[in-house]
């Protein structure tokens, strides 16, 4: 859950007092999916730039 704190998506206090474990894990999964989509977009941009 340190990743959520480091990414400033939640504070440690929020993770302990506000979110359930299930909610925190869903937030982490959404964060990871967003990172994956961003990485895919960057790869597409790089691939498109090389072929020109």
N, C-alpha and C. Protein backbone atom coordinates (compact mmCIF):
# COMPACT_ATOMS: atom_id res chain seq x y z
N UNK A 1 0.81 -1.20 0.00
CA UNK A 1 0.00 0.00 0.00
C UNK A 1 0.86 1.26 0.00
N UNK A 2 2.17 1.06 0.21
CA UNK A 2 3.09 2.20 0.16
C UNK A 2 3.01 2.91 -1.18
N UNK A 3 2.75 2.17 -2.24
CA UNK A 3 2.66 2.75 -3.58
C UNK A 3 1.55 3.79 -3.63
N UNK A 4 0.43 3.52 -2.99
CA UNK A 4 -0.69 4.48 -2.99
C UNK A 4 -0.31 5.76 -2.26
N UNK A 5 0.44 5.62 -1.17
CA UNK A 5 0.88 6.80 -0.43
C UNK A 5 1.90 7.58 -1.26
N UNK A 6 2.85 6.87 -1.86
CA UNK A 6 3.89 7.51 -2.66
C UNK A 6 3.29 8.23 -3.86
N UNK A 7 2.27 7.65 -4.48
CA UNK A 7 1.60 8.26 -5.62
C UNK A 7 0.63 9.36 -5.20
N UNK A 8 0.52 9.58 -3.92
CA UNK A 8 -0.38 10.59 -3.33
C UNK A 8 -1.85 10.35 -3.67
N UNK A 9 -2.19 9.07 -3.76
CA UNK A 9 -3.59 8.71 -3.97
C UNK A 9 -4.33 8.56 -2.65
N UNK A 10 -3.58 8.28 -1.60
CA UNK A 10 -4.16 8.15 -0.27
C UNK A 10 -3.07 8.35 0.76
N UNK A 11 -3.44 8.85 1.91
CA UNK A 11 -2.48 8.97 3.00
C UNK A 11 -2.49 7.67 3.80
N UNK A 12 -1.45 7.48 4.59
CA UNK A 12 -1.40 6.28 5.41
C UNK A 12 -2.56 6.28 6.40
N UNK A 13 -2.91 7.43 6.90
CA UNK A 13 -4.04 7.54 7.82
C UNK A 13 -5.33 7.10 7.14
N UNK A 14 -5.53 7.56 5.89
CA UNK A 14 -6.73 7.14 5.14
C UNK A 14 -6.76 5.63 4.95
N UNK A 15 -5.61 5.05 4.59
CA UNK A 15 -5.57 3.61 4.36
C UNK A 15 -5.90 2.84 5.63
N UNK A 16 -5.49 3.38 6.78
CA UNK A 16 -5.74 2.69 8.04
C UNK A 16 -7.16 2.91 8.56
N UNK A 17 -7.69 4.12 8.36
CA UNK A 17 -8.94 4.49 9.02
C UNK A 17 -10.15 4.60 8.10
N UNK A 18 -9.95 4.87 6.82
CA UNK A 18 -11.07 5.16 5.93
C UNK A 18 -11.38 3.99 5.01
N UNK A 19 -10.35 3.48 4.35
CA UNK A 19 -10.55 2.43 3.35
C UNK A 19 -10.53 1.05 3.98
N UNK A 20 -11.37 0.17 3.47
CA UNK A 20 -11.24 -1.24 3.82
C UNK A 20 -10.11 -1.81 2.98
N UNK A 21 -9.64 -2.98 3.32
CA UNK A 21 -8.58 -3.61 2.54
C UNK A 21 -9.04 -3.82 1.10
N UNK A 22 -10.28 -4.22 0.93
CA UNK A 22 -10.82 -4.45 -0.41
C UNK A 22 -10.80 -3.16 -1.23
N UNK A 23 -11.21 -2.06 -0.63
CA UNK A 23 -11.21 -0.77 -1.33
C UNK A 23 -9.79 -0.32 -1.67
N UNK A 24 -8.87 -0.52 -0.75
CA UNK A 24 -7.49 -0.13 -1.00
C UNK A 24 -6.89 -0.97 -2.13
N UNK A 25 -7.20 -2.25 -2.16
CA UNK A 25 -6.70 -3.11 -3.23
C UNK A 25 -7.30 -2.72 -4.58
N UNK A 26 -8.57 -2.33 -4.60
CA UNK A 26 -9.19 -1.87 -5.84
C UNK A 26 -8.54 -0.57 -6.31
N UNK A 27 -8.25 0.33 -5.39
CA UNK A 27 -7.57 1.58 -5.74
C UNK A 27 -6.19 1.29 -6.32
N UNK A 28 -5.48 0.34 -5.72
CA UNK A 28 -4.17 -0.05 -6.22
C UNK A 28 -4.28 -0.66 -7.62
N UNK A 29 -5.29 -1.50 -7.83
CA UNK A 29 -5.48 -2.13 -9.15
C UNK A 29 -5.77 -1.07 -10.21
N UNK A 30 -6.59 -0.08 -9.88
CA UNK A 30 -6.89 1.00 -10.82
C UNK A 30 -5.63 1.80 -11.13
N UNK A 31 -4.82 2.04 -10.13
CA UNK A 31 -3.56 2.77 -10.32
C UNK A 31 -2.64 1.99 -11.25
N UNK A 32 -2.52 0.68 -11.03
CA UNK A 32 -1.67 -0.15 -11.88
C UNK A 32 -2.20 -0.20 -13.31
N UNK A 33 -3.51 -0.32 -13.49
CA UNK A 33 -4.08 -0.33 -14.84
C UNK A 33 -3.81 0.98 -15.55
N UNK A 34 -3.92 2.09 -14.85
CA UNK A 34 -3.63 3.39 -15.44
C UNK A 34 -2.17 3.47 -15.88
N UNK A 35 -1.27 2.95 -15.06
CA UNK A 35 0.15 2.93 -15.44
C UNK A 35 0.38 2.06 -16.67
N UNK A 36 -0.29 0.93 -16.75
CA UNK A 36 -0.15 0.04 -17.90
C UNK A 36 -0.66 0.71 -19.18
N UNK A 37 -1.78 1.40 -19.10
CA UNK A 37 -2.34 2.10 -20.26
C UNK A 37 -1.38 3.19 -20.71
N UNK A 38 -0.84 3.92 -19.76
CA UNK A 38 0.12 4.99 -20.08
C UNK A 38 1.36 4.42 -20.76
N UNK A 39 1.86 3.30 -20.26
CA UNK A 39 3.04 2.66 -20.87
C UNK A 39 2.72 2.19 -22.29
N UNK A 40 1.52 1.66 -22.49
CA UNK A 40 1.12 1.23 -23.83
C UNK A 40 1.04 2.39 -24.80
N UNK A 41 0.52 3.50 -24.34
CA UNK A 41 0.45 4.70 -25.19
C UNK A 41 1.83 5.18 -25.58
N UNK A 42 2.75 5.17 -24.62
CA UNK A 42 4.11 5.60 -24.92
C UNK A 42 4.78 4.68 -25.93
N UNK A 43 4.53 3.38 -25.81
CA UNK A 43 5.08 2.43 -26.78
C UNK A 43 4.52 2.67 -28.18
N UNK A 44 3.22 2.96 -28.26
CA UNK A 44 2.61 3.25 -29.55
C UNK A 44 3.20 4.52 -30.16
N UNK A 45 3.42 5.51 -29.35
CA UNK A 45 4.00 6.77 -29.84
C UNK A 45 5.42 6.51 -30.35
N UNK A 46 6.20 5.75 -29.59
CA UNK A 46 7.57 5.45 -30.00
C UNK A 46 7.58 4.63 -31.29
N UNK A 47 6.70 3.66 -31.40
CA UNK A 47 6.64 2.82 -32.59
C UNK A 47 6.22 3.64 -33.81
N UNK A 48 5.29 4.53 -33.62
CA UNK A 48 4.83 5.38 -34.72
C UNK A 48 5.90 6.37 -35.15
N UNK A 49 6.69 6.85 -34.22
CA UNK A 49 7.75 7.80 -34.54
C UNK A 49 8.90 7.16 -35.27
N UNK A 50 9.18 5.88 -35.01
CA UNK A 50 10.29 5.19 -35.64
C UNK A 50 10.00 4.84 -37.09
N UNK A 51 8.73 4.63 -37.44
CA UNK A 51 8.40 4.18 -38.78
C UNK A 51 8.30 5.32 -39.79
N UNK A 52 8.40 6.53 -39.35
CA UNK A 52 8.28 7.69 -40.26
C UNK A 52 9.54 8.06 -40.91
